[in-house]
Amino acid sequence: MLLSETQLRVIIRKALDRSGEEYHCHDGTVVLFGSIRCIEDIELRILDVIRMRNKTKPMSDKRVHCNGYLKMLRRELAAARRVFDSISEDENNSNV
């Protein structure tokens, strides 16, 4: 089912209101926080930090730093997924 222009505007407006912020990807591009591209980028960052952490000695300062960074990235990923889910839910409700 195709969306009308009005429905599309409502979805975009809600997405902008909900996320309201931009996300800077690792490659320098700027996308909306909560977009698929944003979520994929955060997931890749998590994998990079896990690889780095796994190369360090247990109880080292570098490992502690990586664990703290992972905790922050995982919170950011959860927030991005919540924004994505709310946008998807709004889109599904407008199709009904």
PDB file of N, CA and C in Angstrom:
ATOM      1  N   MET A   1       0.832  -1.157   0.000  1.00  0.00           N
ATOM      2  CA  MET A   1       0.000   0.000   0.000  1.00  0.00           C
ATOM      3  C   MET A   1       0.893   1.243   0.000  1.00  0.00           C
ATOM      4  N   LEU A   2       0.630   2.141  -0.918  1.00  0.00           N
ATOM      5  CA  LEU A   2       1.392   3.373  -1.001  1.00  0.00           C
ATOM      6  C   LEU A   2       0.866   4.405  -0.008  1.00  0.00           C
ATOM      7  N   LEU A   3       1.777   5.197   0.499  1.00  0.00           N
ATOM      8  CA  LEU A   3       1.398   6.253   1.428  1.00  0.00           C
ATOM      9  C   LEU A   3       1.081   7.527   0.651  1.00  0.00           C
ATOM     10  N   SER A   4       0.126   8.263   1.150  1.00  0.00           N
ATOM     11  CA  SER A   4      -0.156   9.560   0.545  1.00  0.00           C
ATOM     12  C   SER A   4       0.922  10.534   0.988  1.00  0.00           C
ATOM     13  N   GLU A   5       0.984  11.664   0.335  1.00  0.00           N
ATOM     14  CA  GLU A   5       1.980  12.669   0.689  1.00  0.00           C
ATOM     15  C   GLU A   5       1.772  13.155   2.126  1.00  0.00           C
ATOM     16  N   THR A   6       0.533  13.306   2.526  1.00  0.00           N
ATOM     17  CA  THR A   6       0.223  13.760   3.882  1.00  0.00           C
ATOM     18  C   THR A   6       0.686  12.745   4.916  1.00  0.00           C
ATOM     19  N   GLN A   7       0.423  11.465   4.662  1.00  0.00           N
ATOM     20  CA  GLN A   7       0.852  10.422   5.592  1.00  0.00           C
ATOM     21  C   GLN A   7       2.378  10.395   5.715  1.00  0.00           C
ATOM     22  N   LEU A   8       3.040  10.550   4.591  1.00  0.00           N
ATOM     23  CA  LEU A   8       4.499  10.551   4.587  1.00  0.00           C
ATOM     24  C   LEU A   8       5.039  11.744   5.377  1.00  0.00           C
ATOM     25  N   ARG A   9       4.425  12.894   5.218  1.00  0.00           N
ATOM     26  CA  ARG A   9       4.845  14.082   5.971  1.00  0.00           C
ATOM     27  C   ARG A   9       4.671  13.867   7.484  1.00  0.00           C
ATOM     28  N   VAL A  10       3.563  13.232   7.861  1.00  0.00           N
ATOM     29  CA  VAL A  10       3.311  12.962   9.284  1.00  0.00           C
ATOM     30  C   VAL A  10       4.386  12.035   9.831  1.00  0.00           C
ATOM     31  N   ILE A  11       4.732  11.001   9.102  1.00  0.00           N
ATOM     32  CA  ILE A  11       5.752  10.044   9.538  1.00  0.00           C
ATOM     33  C   ILE A  11       7.100  10.739   9.681  1.00  0.00           C
ATOM     34  N   ILE A  12       7.458  11.548   8.708  1.00  0.00           N
ATOM     35  CA  ILE A  12       8.746  12.254   8.762  1.00  0.00           C
ATOM     36  C   ILE A  12       8.774  13.234   9.924  1.00  0.00           C
ATOM     37  N   ARG A  13       7.689  13.955  10.127  1.00  0.00           N
ATOM     38  CA  ARG A  13       7.618  14.920  11.229  1.00  0.00           C
ATOM     39  C   ARG A  13       7.770  14.212  12.576  1.00  0.00           C
ATOM     40  N   LYS A  14       7.088  13.073  12.738  1.00  0.00           N
ATOM     41  CA  LYS A  14       7.183  12.328  13.998  1.00  0.00           C
ATOM     42  C   LYS A  14       8.594  11.792  14.203  1.00  0.00           C
ATOM     43  N   ALA A  15       9.211  11.328  13.119  1.00  0.00           N
ATOM     44  CA  ALA A  15      10.580  10.821  13.219  1.00  0.00           C
ATOM     45  C   ALA A  15      11.527  11.927  13.644  1.00  0.00           C
ATOM     46  N   LEU A  16      11.367  13.091  13.084  1.00  0.00           N
ATOM     47  CA  LEU A  16      12.229  14.210  13.447  1.00  0.00           C
ATOM     48  C   LEU A  16      11.971  14.657  14.875  1.00  0.00           C
ATOM     49  N   ASP A  17      10.717  14.654  15.297  1.00  0.00           N
ATOM     50  CA  ASP A  17      10.383  15.045  16.662  1.00  0.00           C
ATOM     51  C   ASP A  17      10.918  14.039  17.670  1.00  0.00           C
ATOM     52  N   ARG A  18      10.848  12.774  17.334  1.00  0.00           N
ATOM     53  CA  ARG A  18      11.258  11.731  18.273  1.00  0.00           C
ATOM     54  C   ARG A  18      12.767  11.681  18.422  1.00  0.00           C
ATOM     55  N   SER A  19      13.460  11.585  17.305  1.00  0.00           N
ATOM     56  CA  SER A  19      14.910  11.484  17.428  1.00  0.00           C
ATOM     57  C   SER A  19      15.489  12.864  17.662  1.00  0.00           C
ATOM     58  N   GLY A  20      15.094  13.804  16.834  1.00  0.00           N
ATOM     59  CA  GLY A  20      15.502  15.181  17.015  1.00  0.00           C
ATOM     60  C   GLY A  20      16.991  15.421  16.972  1.00  0.00           C
ATOM     61  N   GLU A  21      17.750  14.412  16.693  1.00  0.00           N
ATOM     62  CA  GLU A  21      19.190  14.606  16.672  1.00  0.00           C
ATOM     63  C   GLU A  21      19.819  13.846  15.520  1.00  0.00           C
ATOM     64  N   GLU A  22      20.985  14.293  15.174  1.00  0.00           N
ATOM     65  CA  GLU A  22      21.724  13.643  14.104  1.00  0.00           C
ATOM     66  C   GLU A  22      22.732  12.683  14.719  1.00  0.00           C
ATOM     67  N   TYR A  23      23.114  11.708  13.924  1.00  0.00           N
ATOM     68  CA  TYR A  23      24.125  10.751  14.358  1.00  0.00           C
ATOM     69  C   TYR A  23      25.259  10.800  13.342  1.00  0.00           C
ATOM     70  N   HIS A  24      26.467  10.914  13.821  1.00  0.00           N
ATOM     71  CA  HIS A  24      27.641  10.969  12.949  1.00  0.00           C
ATOM     72  C   HIS A  24      28.235   9.573  12.839  1.00  0.00           C
ATOM     73  N   CYS A  25      28.137   8.996  11.653  1.00  0.00           N
ATOM     74  CA  CYS A  25      28.670   7.654  11.415  1.00  0.00           C
ATOM     75  C   CYS A  25      30.192   7.677  11.405  1.00  0.00           C
ATOM     76  N   HIS A  26      30.766   6.506  11.539  1.00  0.00           N
ATOM     77  CA  HIS A  26      32.217   6.351  11.585  1.00  0.00           C
ATOM     78  C   HIS A  26      32.880   6.872  10.311  1.00  0.00           C
ATOM     79  N   ASP A  27      32.181   6.762   9.177  1.00  0.00           N
ATOM     80  CA  ASP A  27      32.748   7.213   7.904  1.00  0.00           C
ATOM     81  C   ASP A  27      32.536   8.705   7.651  1.00  0.00           C
ATOM     82  N   GLY A  28      31.920   9.399   8.613  1.00  0.00           N
ATOM     83  CA  GLY A  28      31.748  10.837   8.494  1.00  0.00           C
ATOM     84  C   GLY A  28      30.386  11.289   8.004  1.00  0.00           C
ATOM     85  N   THR A  29      29.566  10.361   7.534  1.00  0.00           N
ATOM     86  CA  THR A  29      28.233  10.744   7.081  1.00  0.00           C
ATOM     87  C   THR A  29      27.346  11.049   8.290  1.00  0.00           C
ATOM     88  N   VAL A  30      26.350  11.876   8.066  1.00  0.00           N
ATOM     89  CA  VAL A  30      25.417  12.252   9.122  1.00  0.00           C
ATOM     90  C   VAL A  30      24.041  11.698   8.762  1.00  0.00           C
ATOM     91  N   VAL A  31      23.456  10.951   9.692  1.00  0.00           N
ATOM     92  CA  VAL A  31      22.135  10.353   9.484  1.00  0.00           C
ATOM     93  C   VAL A  31      21.272  10.656  10.704  1.00  0.00           C
ATOM     94  N   LEU A  32      19.988  10.375  10.598  1.00  0.00           N
ATOM     95  CA  LEU A  32      19.096  10.551  11.739  1.00  0.00           C
ATOM     96  C   LEU A  32      19.360   9.474  12.783  1.00  0.00           C
ATOM     97  N   PHE A  33      19.364   9.893  14.042  1.00  0.00           N
ATOM     98  CA  PHE A  33      19.512   8.935  15.127  1.00  0.00           C
ATOM     99  C   PHE A  33      18.305   8.009  15.123  1.00  0.00           C
ATOM    100  N   GLY A  34      18.561   6.703  15.162  1.00  0.00           N
ATOM    101  CA  GLY A  34      17.486   5.727  15.144  1.00  0.00           C
ATOM    102  C   GLY A  34      17.223   5.144  13.772  1.00  0.00           C
ATOM    103  N   SER A  35      17.915   5.651  12.754  1.00  0.00           N
ATOM    104  CA  SER A  35      17.743   5.092  11.408  1.00  0.00           C
ATOM    105  C   SER A  35      18.480   3.755  11.324  1.00  0.00           C
ATOM    106  N   ILE A  36      18.180   2.992  10.302  1.00  0.00           N
ATOM    107  CA  ILE A  36      18.841   1.688  10.115  1.00  0.00           C
ATOM    108  C   ILE A  36      20.344   1.877   9.985  1.00  0.00           C
ATOM    109  N   ARG A  37      20.740   2.894   9.238  1.00  0.00           N
ATOM    110  CA  ARG A  37      22.168   3.175   9.041  1.00  0.00           C
ATOM    111  C   ARG A  37      22.847   3.498  10.379  1.00  0.00           C
ATOM    112  N   CYS A  38      22.175   4.227  11.228  1.00  0.00           N
ATOM    113  CA  CYS A  38      22.692   4.569  12.561  1.00  0.00           C
ATOM    114  C   CYS A  38      22.881   3.298  13.394  1.00  0.00           C
ATOM    115  N   ILE A  39      21.882   2.450  13.400  1.00  0.00           N
ATOM    116  CA  ILE A  39      21.940   1.212  14.180  1.00  0.00           C
ATOM    117  C   ILE A  39      23.062   0.312  13.683  1.00  0.00           C
ATOM    118  N   GLU A  40      23.198   0.185  12.371  1.00  0.00           N
ATOM    119  CA  GLU A  40      24.263  -0.644  11.810  1.00  0.00           C
ATOM    120  C   GLU A  40      25.635  -0.107  12.188  1.00  0.00           C
ATOM    121  N   ASP A  41      25.790   1.213  12.166  1.00  0.00           N
ATOM    122  CA  ASP A  41      27.069   1.823  12.508  1.00  0.00           C
ATOM    123  C   ASP A  41      27.422   1.566  13.972  1.00  0.00           C
ATOM    124  N   ILE A  42      26.458   1.708  14.856  1.00  0.00           N
ATOM    125  CA  ILE A  42      26.721   1.455  16.280  1.00  0.00           C
ATOM    126  C   ILE A  42      27.095  -0.010  16.490  1.00  0.00           C
ATOM    127  N   GLU A  43      26.397  -0.923  15.799  1.00  0.00           N
ATOM    128  CA  GLU A  43      26.727  -2.352  15.920  1.00  0.00           C
ATOM    129  C   GLU A  43      28.151  -2.634  15.454  1.00  0.00           C
ATOM    130  N   LEU A  44      28.582  -1.989  14.371  1.00  0.00           N
ATOM    131  CA  LEU A  44      29.954  -2.175  13.882  1.00  0.00           C
ATOM    132  C   LEU A  44      30.972  -1.609  14.868  1.00  0.00           C
ATOM    133  N   ARG A  45      30.648  -0.480  15.477  1.00  0.00           N
ATOM    134  CA  ARG A  45      31.544   0.093  16.485  1.00  0.00           C
ATOM    135  C   ARG A  45      31.683  -0.847  17.676  1.00  0.00           C
ATOM    136  N   ILE A  46      30.576  -1.459  18.081  1.00  0.00           N
ATOM    137  CA  ILE A  46      30.617  -2.414  19.194  1.00  0.00           C
ATOM    138  C   ILE A  46      31.533  -3.582  18.855  1.00  0.00           C
ATOM    139  N   LEU A  47      31.403  -4.117  17.641  1.00  0.00           N
ATOM    140  CA  LEU A  47      32.265  -5.237  17.232  1.00  0.00           C
ATOM    141  C   LEU A  47      33.735  -4.837  17.219  1.00  0.00           C
ATOM    142  N   ASP A  48      34.034  -3.625  16.761  1.00  0.00           N
ATOM    143  CA  ASP A  48      35.421  -3.147  16.752  1.00  0.00           C
ATOM    144  C   ASP A  48      35.995  -3.067  18.161  1.00  0.00           C
ATOM    145  N   VAL A  49      35.214  -2.531  19.096  1.00  0.00           N
ATOM    146  CA  VAL A  49      35.700  -2.384  20.472  1.00  0.00           C
ATOM    147  C   VAL A  49      35.847  -3.761  21.123  1.00  0.00           C
ATOM    148  N   ILE A  50      34.947  -4.685  20.813  1.00  0.00           N
ATOM    149  CA  ILE A  50      35.071  -6.045  21.361  1.00  0.00           C
ATOM    150  C   ILE A  50      36.360  -6.691  20.874  1.00  0.00           C
ATOM    151  N   ARG A  51      36.665  -6.533  19.578  1.00  0.00           N
ATOM    152  CA  ARG A  51      37.914  -7.094  19.048  1.00  0.00           C
ATOM    153  C   ARG A  51      39.124  -6.483  19.742  1.00  0.00           C
ATOM    154  N   MET A  52      39.090  -5.159  19.940  1.00  0.00           N
ATOM    155  CA  MET A  52      40.196  -4.478  20.608  1.00  0.00           C
ATOM    156  C   MET A  52      40.330  -4.963  22.055  1.00  0.00           C
ATOM    157  N   ARG A  53      39.202  -5.061  22.744  1.00  0.00           N
ATOM    158  CA  ARG A  53      39.213  -5.495  24.140  1.00  0.00           C
ATOM    159  C   ARG A  53      39.764  -6.908  24.278  1.00  0.00           C
ATOM    160  N   ASN A  54      39.373  -7.782  23.350  1.00  0.00           N
ATOM    161  CA  ASN A  54      39.795  -9.177  23.444  1.00  0.00           C
ATOM    162  C   ASN A  54      41.292  -9.362  23.219  1.00  0.00           C
ATOM    163  N   LYS A  55      41.953  -8.350  22.668  1.00  0.00           N
ATOM    164  CA  LYS A  55      43.397  -8.420  22.448  1.00  0.00           C
ATOM    165  C   LYS A  55      44.192  -7.921  23.652  1.00  0.00           C
ATOM    166  N   THR A  56      43.508  -7.378  24.640  1.00  0.00           N
ATOM    167  CA  THR A  56      44.207  -6.815  25.800  1.00  0.00           C
ATOM    168  C   THR A  56      44.252  -7.811  26.951  1.00  0.00           C
ATOM    169  N   LYS A  57      45.156  -7.540  27.874  1.00  0.00           N
ATOM    170  CA  LYS A  57      45.302  -8.394  29.063  1.00  0.00           C
ATOM    171  C   LYS A  57      44.161  -8.111  30.033  1.00  0.00           C
ATOM    172  N   PRO A  58      43.703  -9.150  30.721  1.00  0.00           N
ATOM    173  CA  PRO A  58      42.669  -8.935  31.743  1.00  0.00           C
ATOM    174  C   PRO A  58      43.168  -7.971  32.819  1.00  0.00           C
ATOM    175  N   MET A  59      42.262  -7.154  33.318  1.00  0.00           N
ATOM    176  CA  MET A  59      42.533  -6.196  34.393  1.00  0.00           C
ATOM    177  C   MET A  59      43.467  -5.052  33.980  1.00  0.00           C
ATOM    178  N   SER A  60      43.701  -4.888  32.687  1.00  0.00           N
ATOM    179  CA  SER A  60      44.531  -3.765  32.250  1.00  0.00           C
ATOM    180  C   SER A  60      43.672  -2.505  32.138  1.00  0.00           C
ATOM    181  N   ASP A  61      44.321  -1.353  32.162  1.00  0.00           N
ATOM    182  CA  ASP A  61      43.595  -0.090  32.033  1.00  0.00           C
ATOM    183  C   ASP A  61      42.878   0.000  30.687  1.00  0.00           C
ATOM    184  N   LYS A  62      43.523  -0.503  29.652  1.00  0.00           N
ATOM    185  CA  LYS A  62      42.923  -0.456  28.317  1.00  0.00           C
ATOM    186  C   LYS A  62      41.645  -1.293  28.265  1.00  0.00           C
ATOM    187  N   ARG A  63      41.672  -2.448  28.914  1.00  0.00           N
ATOM    188  CA  ARG A  63      40.495  -3.317  28.929  1.00  0.00           C
ATOM    189  C   ARG A  63      39.348  -2.658  29.704  1.00  0.00           C
ATOM    190  N   VAL A  64      39.664  -2.020  30.824  1.00  0.00           N
ATOM    191  CA  VAL A  64      38.649  -1.323  31.608  1.00  0.00           C
ATOM    192  C   VAL A  64      38.041  -0.195  30.780  1.00  0.00           C
ATOM    193  N   HIS A  65      38.884   0.535  30.058  1.00  0.00           N
ATOM    194  CA  HIS A  65      38.399   1.606  29.189  1.00  0.00           C
ATOM    195  C   HIS A  65      37.466   1.045  28.110  1.00  0.00           C
ATOM    196  N   CYS A  66      37.869  -0.062  27.482  1.00  0.00           N
ATOM    197  CA  CYS A  66      37.039  -0.685  26.432  1.00  0.00           C
ATOM    198  C   CYS A  66      35.693  -1.131  26.993  1.00  0.00           C
ATOM    199  N   ASN A  67      35.693  -1.696  28.185  1.00  0.00           N
ATOM    200  CA  ASN A  67      34.440  -2.137  28.798  1.00  0.00           C
ATOM    201  C   ASN A  67      33.508  -0.954  29.067  1.00  0.00           C
ATOM    202  N   GLY A  68      34.069   0.159  29.506  1.00  0.00           N
ATOM    203  CA  GLY A  68      33.261   1.352  29.719  1.00  0.00           C
ATOM    204  C   GLY A  68      32.693   1.879  28.408  1.00  0.00           C
ATOM    205  N   TYR A  69      33.503   1.866  27.373  1.00  0.00           N
ATOM    206  CA  TYR A  69      33.056   2.320  26.060  1.00  0.00           C
ATOM    207  C   TYR A  69      31.972   1.392  25.508  1.00  0.00           C
ATOM    208  N   LEU A  70      32.130   0.091  25.720  1.00  0.00           N
ATOM    209  CA  LEU A  70      31.109  -0.872  25.286  1.00  0.00           C
ATOM    210  C   LEU A  70      29.785  -0.629  25.990  1.00  0.00           C
ATOM    211  N   LYS A  71      29.851  -0.340  27.277  1.00  0.00           N
ATOM    212  CA  LYS A  71      28.625  -0.070  28.032  1.00  0.00           C
ATOM    213  C   LYS A  71      27.900   1.142  27.444  1.00  0.00           C
ATOM    214  N   MET A  72      28.643   2.190  27.118  1.00  0.00           N
ATOM    215  CA  MET A  72      28.055   3.396  26.543  1.00  0.00           C
ATOM    216  C   MET A  72      27.469   3.106  25.149  1.00  0.00           C
ATOM    217  N   LEU A  73      28.198   2.358  24.333  1.00  0.00           N
ATOM    218  CA  LEU A  73      27.709   2.034  22.989  1.00  0.00           C
ATOM    219  C   LEU A  73      26.451   1.165  23.043  1.00  0.00           C
ATOM    220  N   ARG A  74      26.403   0.243  23.979  1.00  0.00           N
ATOM    221  CA  ARG A  74      25.221  -0.619  24.094  1.00  0.00           C
ATOM    222  C   ARG A  74      23.989   0.176  24.531  1.00  0.00           C
ATOM    223  N   ARG A  75      24.187   1.165  25.407  1.00  0.00           N
ATOM    224  CA  ARG A  75      23.075   2.045  25.788  1.00  0.00           C
ATOM    225  C   ARG A  75      22.608   2.868  24.589  1.00  0.00           C
ATOM    226  N   GLU A  76      23.564   3.361  23.823  1.00  0.00           N
ATOM    227  CA  GLU A  76      23.243   4.148  22.641  1.00  0.00           C
ATOM    228  C   GLU A  76      22.495   3.296  21.608  1.00  0.00           C
ATOM    229  N   LEU A  77      22.910   2.045  21.460  1.00  0.00           N
ATOM    230  CA  LEU A  77      22.237   1.130  20.536  1.00  0.00           C
ATOM    231  C   LEU A  77      20.811   0.861  20.995  1.00  0.00           C
ATOM    232  N   ALA A  78      20.610   0.642  22.275  1.00  0.00           N
ATOM    233  CA  ALA A  78      19.257   0.410  22.797  1.00  0.00           C
ATOM    234  C   ALA A  78      18.364   1.622  22.545  1.00  0.00           C
ATOM    235  N   ALA A  79      18.901   2.817  22.758  1.00  0.00           N
ATOM    236  CA  ALA A  79      18.124   4.036  22.513  1.00  0.00           C
ATOM    237  C   ALA A  79      17.784   4.181  21.038  1.00  0.00           C
ATOM    238  N   ALA A  80      18.744   3.889  20.168  1.00  0.00           N
ATOM    239  CA  ALA A  80      18.506   3.988  18.723  1.00  0.00           C
ATOM    240  C   ALA A  80      17.441   2.979  18.291  1.00  0.00           C
ATOM    241  N   ARG A  81      17.489   1.793  18.850  1.00  0.00           N
ATOM    242  CA  ARG A  81      16.473   0.780  18.509  1.00  0.00           C
ATOM    243  C   ARG A  81      15.087   1.197  18.985  1.00  0.00           C
ATOM    244  N   ARG A  82      15.004   1.833  20.159  1.00  0.00           N
ATOM    245  CA  ARG A  82      13.708   2.317  20.645  1.00  0.00           C
ATOM    246  C   ARG A  82      13.140   3.378  19.703  1.00  0.00           C
ATOM    247  N   VAL A  83      13.987   4.283  19.236  1.00  0.00           N
ATOM    248  CA  VAL A  83      13.537   5.317  18.293  1.00  0.00           C
ATOM    249  C   VAL A  83      13.081   4.654  17.002  1.00  0.00           C
ATOM    250  N   PHE A  84      13.864   3.693  16.500  1.00  0.00           N
ATOM    251  CA  PHE A  84      13.502   2.993  15.264  1.00  0.00           C
ATOM    252  C   PHE A  84      12.171   2.270  15.422  1.00  0.00           C
ATOM    253  N   ASP A  85      11.991   1.586  16.552  1.00  0.00           N
ATOM    254  CA  ASP A  85      10.741   0.854  16.793  1.00  0.00           C
ATOM    255  C   ASP A  85       9.545   1.791  16.862  1.00  0.00           C
ATOM    256  N   SER A  86       9.723   2.945  17.492  1.00  0.00           N
ATOM    257  CA  SER A  86       8.600   3.881  17.588  1.00  0.00           C
ATOM    258  C   SER A  86       8.263   4.473  16.230  1.00  0.00           C
ATOM    259  N   ILE A  87       9.269   4.704  15.404  1.00  0.00           N
ATOM    260  CA  ILE A  87       9.011   5.208  14.051  1.00  0.00           C
ATOM    261  C   ILE A  87       8.302   4.138  13.236  1.00  0.00           C
ATOM    262  N   SER A  88       8.762   2.893  13.347  1.00  0.00           N
ATOM    263  CA  SER A  88       8.145   1.795  12.600  1.00  0.00           C
ATOM    264  C   SER A  88       6.701   1.581  13.059  1.00  0.00           C
ATOM    265  N   GLU A  89       6.477   1.695  14.365  1.00  0.00           N
ATOM    266  CA  GLU A  89       5.125   1.528  14.908  1.00  0.00           C
ATOM    267  C   GLU A  89       4.210   2.621  14.367  1.00  0.00           C
ATOM    268  N   ASP A  90       4.685   3.859  14.341  1.00  0.00           N
ATOM    269  CA  ASP A  90       3.880   4.961  13.811  1.00  0.00           C
ATOM    270  C   ASP A  90       3.567   4.747  12.337  1.00  0.00           C
ATOM    271  N   GLU A  91       4.544   4.227  11.606  1.00  0.00           N
ATOM    272  CA  GLU A  91       4.342   3.965  10.177  1.00  0.00           C
ATOM    273  C   GLU A  91       3.282   2.880   9.972  1.00  0.00           C
ATOM    274  N   ASN A  92       3.334   1.842  10.792  1.00  0.00           N
ATOM    275  CA  ASN A  92       2.345   0.770  10.684  1.00  0.00           C
ATOM    276  C   ASN A  92       0.960   1.247  11.060  1.00  0.00           C
ATOM    277  N   ASN A  93       0.865   2.108  12.070  1.00  0.00           N
ATOM    278  CA  ASN A  93      -0.429   2.640  12.483  1.00  0.00           C
ATOM    279  C   ASN A  93      -1.031   3.548  11.430  1.00  0.00           C
ATOM    280  N   SER A  94      -0.199   4.249  10.678  1.00  0.00           N
ATOM    281  CA  SER A  94      -0.731   5.145   9.643  1.00  0.00           C
ATOM    282  C   SER A  94      -1.205   4.359   8.415  1.00  0.00           C
ATOM    283  N   ASN A  95      -0.740   3.113   8.275  1.00  0.00           N
ATOM    284  CA  ASN A  95      -1.180   2.275   7.151  1.00  0.00           C
ATOM    285  C   ASN A  95      -2.550   1.665   7.405  1.00  0.00           C
ATOM    286  N   VAL A  96      -2.987   1.612   8.637  1.00  0.00           N
ATOM    287  CA  VAL A  96      -4.242   0.963   8.997  1.00  0.00           C
ATOM    288  C   VAL A  96      -5.406   1.830   8.673  1.00  0.00           C
TER     289      VAL A  96
END
